[in-house]
Amino acid sequence: MKIYYVYILKCNDASYYTGITSSLSARLEEHHLGKHIGSYTYKRRPLDLVFYCEFTNVEQAISMEKQLKKWSRVKKEALINNEFEKLPNLCKKKFG
């Protein structure tokens, strides 16, 4: 059974990068070595892996990655910090 990983990296400029891979260790090495010069993380190294989750279904992994990329910084940090109880309130739209 193949495993897919959705992961979040914290970049040296404090931004977050979200990605998907079937080999987490190999992909992290690529990020750290700067294998892809034009990538988002290339100029933002060093990087820290701050979150990952595993999937056995690639469609679910892709869906999760797309969902996380739309999340606010605050919501991503709640996930990273295992503050799951905060997530429902962070989903609510604020009307001013």
N, C-alpha and C. Protein backbone atom coordinates (compact mmCIF):
# COMPACT_ATOMS: atom_id res chain seq x y z
N MET A 1 0.84 -1.17 0.00
CA MET A 1 0.00 0.00 0.00
C MET A 1 0.90 1.25 0.00
N LYS A 2 0.63 2.14 -0.94
CA LYS A 2 1.43 3.36 -1.06
C LYS A 2 0.89 4.42 -0.09
N ILE A 3 1.81 5.14 0.52
CA ILE A 3 1.46 6.21 1.46
C ILE A 3 1.79 7.55 0.82
N TYR A 4 0.90 8.51 0.99
CA TYR A 4 1.08 9.87 0.50
C TYR A 4 1.10 10.80 1.71
N TYR A 5 1.94 11.80 1.65
CA TYR A 5 2.11 12.72 2.76
C TYR A 5 1.74 14.14 2.32
N VAL A 6 0.98 14.80 3.14
CA VAL A 6 0.74 16.23 3.01
C VAL A 6 1.53 16.87 4.14
N TYR A 7 2.31 17.88 3.81
CA TYR A 7 3.22 18.43 4.81
C TYR A 7 3.24 19.95 4.75
N ILE A 8 3.65 20.53 5.88
CA ILE A 8 3.83 21.98 5.98
C ILE A 8 5.25 22.23 6.46
N LEU A 9 5.93 23.11 5.74
CA LEU A 9 7.27 23.55 6.13
C LEU A 9 7.20 24.99 6.59
N LYS A 10 7.94 25.31 7.62
CA LYS A 10 8.09 26.71 8.03
C LYS A 10 9.41 27.20 7.43
N CYS A 11 9.33 28.27 6.66
CA CYS A 11 10.49 28.81 5.97
C CYS A 11 11.22 29.81 6.86
N ASN A 12 12.44 30.17 6.46
CA ASN A 12 13.23 31.09 7.29
C ASN A 12 12.65 32.49 7.34
N ASP A 13 11.73 32.83 6.44
CA ASP A 13 11.05 34.13 6.50
C ASP A 13 9.73 34.03 7.27
N ALA A 14 9.52 32.90 7.95
CA ALA A 14 8.35 32.61 8.79
C ALA A 14 7.09 32.32 7.98
N SER A 15 7.19 32.21 6.66
CA SER A 15 6.04 31.81 5.86
C SER A 15 5.92 30.29 5.90
N TYR A 16 4.78 29.79 5.43
CA TYR A 16 4.54 28.36 5.40
C TYR A 16 4.41 27.88 3.97
N TYR A 17 4.95 26.71 3.72
CA TYR A 17 4.83 26.05 2.42
C TYR A 17 4.12 24.73 2.64
N THR A 18 3.10 24.45 1.84
CA THR A 18 2.36 23.20 1.93
C THR A 18 2.61 22.38 0.67
N GLY A 19 2.87 21.10 0.85
CA GLY A 19 3.14 20.24 -0.30
C GLY A 19 2.62 18.83 -0.09
N ILE A 20 2.79 18.03 -1.14
CA ILE A 20 2.36 16.64 -1.12
C ILE A 20 3.47 15.80 -1.75
N THR A 21 3.66 14.60 -1.25
CA THR A 21 4.69 13.71 -1.78
C THR A 21 4.37 12.27 -1.40
N SER A 22 5.01 11.35 -2.10
CA SER A 22 4.89 9.94 -1.71
C SER A 22 6.15 9.47 -0.99
N SER A 23 7.15 10.35 -0.90
CA SER A 23 8.38 10.03 -0.15
C SER A 23 8.79 11.27 0.63
N LEU A 24 8.35 11.33 1.86
CA LEU A 24 8.58 12.53 2.67
C LEU A 24 10.06 12.80 2.88
N SER A 25 10.83 11.80 3.21
CA SER A 25 12.25 12.03 3.48
C SER A 25 12.99 12.52 2.22
N ALA A 26 12.69 11.92 1.08
CA ALA A 26 13.35 12.34 -0.17
C ALA A 26 12.94 13.76 -0.54
N ARG A 27 11.66 14.09 -0.37
CA ARG A 27 11.19 15.43 -0.72
C ARG A 27 11.77 16.48 0.21
N LEU A 28 11.88 16.16 1.48
CA LEU A 28 12.49 17.11 2.42
C LEU A 28 13.95 17.36 2.07
N GLU A 29 14.65 16.32 1.66
CA GLU A 29 16.05 16.48 1.26
C GLU A 29 16.14 17.40 0.03
N GLU A 30 15.23 17.23 -0.92
CA GLU A 30 15.21 18.11 -2.09
C GLU A 30 15.01 19.56 -1.68
N HIS A 31 14.08 19.79 -0.76
CA HIS A 31 13.84 21.16 -0.26
C HIS A 31 15.10 21.70 0.40
N HIS A 32 15.70 20.92 1.30
CA HIS A 32 16.86 21.39 2.06
C HIS A 32 18.07 21.65 1.17
N LEU A 33 18.24 20.83 0.14
CA LEU A 33 19.37 21.00 -0.77
C LEU A 33 19.13 22.06 -1.83
N GLY A 34 17.88 22.51 -1.96
CA GLY A 34 17.55 23.50 -2.97
C GLY A 34 17.62 22.92 -4.38
N LYS A 35 17.13 21.72 -4.54
CA LYS A 35 17.21 21.02 -5.83
C LYS A 35 16.45 21.77 -6.93
N HIS A 36 15.36 22.41 -6.59
CA HIS A 36 14.53 23.10 -7.59
C HIS A 36 14.71 24.62 -7.41
N ILE A 37 15.57 25.20 -8.22
CA ILE A 37 15.97 26.60 -8.07
C ILE A 37 14.79 27.57 -8.12
N GLY A 38 13.81 27.31 -8.94
CA GLY A 38 12.68 28.23 -9.06
C GLY A 38 11.57 28.01 -8.05
N SER A 39 11.75 27.08 -7.13
CA SER A 39 10.67 26.76 -6.20
C SER A 39 10.51 27.82 -5.11
N TYR A 40 9.34 27.81 -4.48
CA TYR A 40 9.02 28.77 -3.42
C TYR A 40 10.03 28.69 -2.28
N THR A 41 10.46 27.50 -1.94
CA THR A 41 11.31 27.32 -0.76
C THR A 41 12.79 27.57 -1.03
N TYR A 42 13.19 27.65 -2.28
CA TYR A 42 14.62 27.75 -2.61
C TYR A 42 15.32 28.88 -1.87
N LYS A 43 14.75 30.07 -1.92
CA LYS A 43 15.38 31.24 -1.28
C LYS A 43 14.92 31.43 0.16
N ARG A 44 14.14 30.51 0.66
CA ARG A 44 13.59 30.63 2.01
C ARG A 44 14.16 29.57 2.95
N ARG A 45 15.28 28.99 2.60
CA ARG A 45 15.93 27.99 3.44
C ARG A 45 16.72 28.69 4.54
N PRO A 46 16.95 28.10 5.69
CA PRO A 46 16.59 26.72 6.05
C PRO A 46 15.10 26.58 6.34
N LEU A 47 14.65 25.35 6.32
CA LEU A 47 13.24 25.00 6.47
C LEU A 47 13.06 24.04 7.63
N ASP A 48 11.90 24.11 8.26
CA ASP A 48 11.56 23.17 9.33
C ASP A 48 10.25 22.47 8.98
N LEU A 49 10.24 21.15 9.08
CA LEU A 49 9.00 20.40 8.93
C LEU A 49 8.20 20.60 10.21
N VAL A 50 7.01 21.21 10.09
CA VAL A 50 6.22 21.51 11.28
C VAL A 50 4.94 20.68 11.36
N PHE A 51 4.57 20.04 10.25
CA PHE A 51 3.35 19.23 10.25
C PHE A 51 3.38 18.28 9.07
N TYR A 52 2.86 17.08 9.29
CA TYR A 52 2.57 16.19 8.16
C TYR A 52 1.48 15.21 8.57
N CYS A 53 0.77 14.71 7.58
CA CYS A 53 -0.22 13.67 7.81
C CYS A 53 -0.13 12.68 6.66
N GLU A 54 -0.57 11.46 6.90
CA GLU A 54 -0.44 10.37 5.94
C GLU A 54 -1.80 9.99 5.37
N PHE A 55 -1.78 9.61 4.09
CA PHE A 55 -2.98 9.15 3.39
C PHE A 55 -2.64 7.91 2.58
N THR A 56 -3.60 7.03 2.42
CA THR A 56 -3.43 5.88 1.54
C THR A 56 -4.16 6.12 0.21
N ASN A 57 -4.92 7.18 0.14
CA ASN A 57 -5.67 7.53 -1.06
C ASN A 57 -5.12 8.85 -1.61
N VAL A 58 -4.57 8.83 -2.81
CA VAL A 58 -3.93 10.02 -3.37
C VAL A 58 -4.94 11.15 -3.58
N GLU A 59 -6.18 10.84 -3.95
CA GLU A 59 -7.18 11.89 -4.15
C GLU A 59 -7.48 12.63 -2.86
N GLN A 60 -7.54 11.89 -1.75
CA GLN A 60 -7.77 12.53 -0.45
C GLN A 60 -6.57 13.40 -0.06
N ALA A 61 -5.37 12.94 -0.35
CA ALA A 61 -4.17 13.71 -0.05
C ALA A 61 -4.15 15.01 -0.86
N ILE A 62 -4.46 14.93 -2.13
CA ILE A 62 -4.50 16.12 -2.98
C ILE A 62 -5.56 17.09 -2.48
N SER A 63 -6.71 16.57 -2.11
CA SER A 63 -7.78 17.42 -1.58
C SER A 63 -7.35 18.14 -0.30
N MET A 64 -6.68 17.41 0.59
CA MET A 64 -6.20 18.01 1.84
C MET A 64 -5.16 19.09 1.56
N GLU A 65 -4.24 18.82 0.63
CA GLU A 65 -3.23 19.82 0.30
C GLU A 65 -3.89 21.10 -0.22
N LYS A 66 -4.83 20.96 -1.13
CA LYS A 66 -5.54 22.13 -1.68
C LYS A 66 -6.27 22.89 -0.59
N GLN A 67 -6.89 22.16 0.33
CA GLN A 67 -7.62 22.79 1.43
C GLN A 67 -6.66 23.58 2.33
N LEU A 68 -5.54 22.97 2.70
CA LEU A 68 -4.58 23.64 3.58
C LEU A 68 -3.99 24.89 2.93
N LYS A 69 -3.77 24.84 1.63
CA LYS A 69 -3.20 26.00 0.94
C LYS A 69 -4.12 27.21 1.01
N LYS A 70 -5.40 26.98 1.20
CA LYS A 70 -6.37 28.09 1.30
C LYS A 70 -6.53 28.61 2.73
N TRP A 71 -6.01 27.88 3.69
CA TRP A 71 -6.17 28.26 5.09
C TRP A 71 -5.35 29.49 5.43
N SER A 72 -5.83 30.24 6.41
CA SER A 72 -5.09 31.39 6.92
C SER A 72 -3.89 30.91 7.73
N ARG A 73 -2.99 31.82 7.96
CA ARG A 73 -1.81 31.52 8.78
C ARG A 73 -2.22 31.07 10.18
N VAL A 74 -3.18 31.76 10.77
CA VAL A 74 -3.64 31.44 12.13
C VAL A 74 -4.23 30.03 12.18
N LYS A 75 -5.00 29.68 11.17
CA LYS A 75 -5.61 28.36 11.14
C LYS A 75 -4.54 27.27 10.96
N LYS A 76 -3.56 27.53 10.09
CA LYS A 76 -2.46 26.56 9.92
C LYS A 76 -1.70 26.39 11.23
N GLU A 77 -1.48 27.47 11.94
CA GLU A 77 -0.75 27.38 13.21
C GLU A 77 -1.53 26.61 14.27
N ALA A 78 -2.85 26.73 14.26
CA ALA A 78 -3.67 25.94 15.18
C ALA A 78 -3.50 24.45 14.87
N LEU A 79 -3.50 24.10 13.59
CA LEU A 79 -3.29 22.71 13.19
C LEU A 79 -1.90 22.24 13.61
N ILE A 80 -0.88 23.04 13.31
CA ILE A 80 0.51 22.70 13.63
C ILE A 80 0.68 22.48 15.13
N ASN A 81 0.00 23.30 15.93
CA ASN A 81 0.13 23.23 17.39
C ASN A 81 -0.87 22.28 18.05
N ASN A 82 -1.54 21.46 17.24
CA ASN A 82 -2.53 20.49 17.75
C ASN A 82 -3.64 21.15 18.55
N GLU A 83 -4.01 22.36 18.18
CA GLU A 83 -5.10 23.08 18.85
C GLU A 83 -6.37 22.92 18.02
N PHE A 84 -6.79 21.67 17.90
CA PHE A 84 -7.90 21.33 17.03
C PHE A 84 -9.21 21.98 17.44
N GLU A 85 -9.35 22.26 18.73
CA GLU A 85 -10.58 22.88 19.21
C GLU A 85 -10.76 24.30 18.66
N LYS A 86 -9.69 24.93 18.23
CA LYS A 86 -9.76 26.29 17.67
C LYS A 86 -10.20 26.30 16.21
N LEU A 87 -10.05 25.20 15.52
CA LEU A 87 -10.30 25.18 14.08
C LEU A 87 -11.72 25.57 13.68
N PRO A 88 -12.78 25.10 14.36
CA PRO A 88 -14.12 25.50 13.94
C PRO A 88 -14.34 27.02 13.97
N ASN A 89 -13.86 27.68 14.98
CA ASN A 89 -14.03 29.13 15.07
C ASN A 89 -13.20 29.86 14.04
N LEU A 90 -12.07 29.31 13.66
CA LEU A 90 -11.21 29.94 12.67
C LEU A 90 -11.77 29.76 11.25
N CYS A 91 -12.76 28.90 11.12
CA CYS A 91 -13.42 28.69 9.82
C CYS A 91 -14.49 29.74 9.56
N LYS A 92 -14.95 30.36 10.63
CA LYS A 92 -16.06 31.30 10.48
C LYS A 92 -15.60 32.59 9.82
N LYS A 93 -16.42 33.07 8.93
CA LYS A 93 -16.13 34.32 8.23
C LYS A 93 -16.46 35.47 9.16
N LYS A 94 -15.59 36.46 9.15
CA LYS A 94 -15.81 37.65 9.97
C LYS A 94 -16.43 38.75 9.14
N PHE A 95 -17.56 39.23 9.60
CA PHE A 95 -18.26 40.30 8.91
C PHE A 95 -18.07 41.58 9.72
N GLY A 96 -17.64 42.63 9.05
CA GLY A 96 -17.32 43.83 9.78
C GLY A 96 -18.29 44.90 9.61
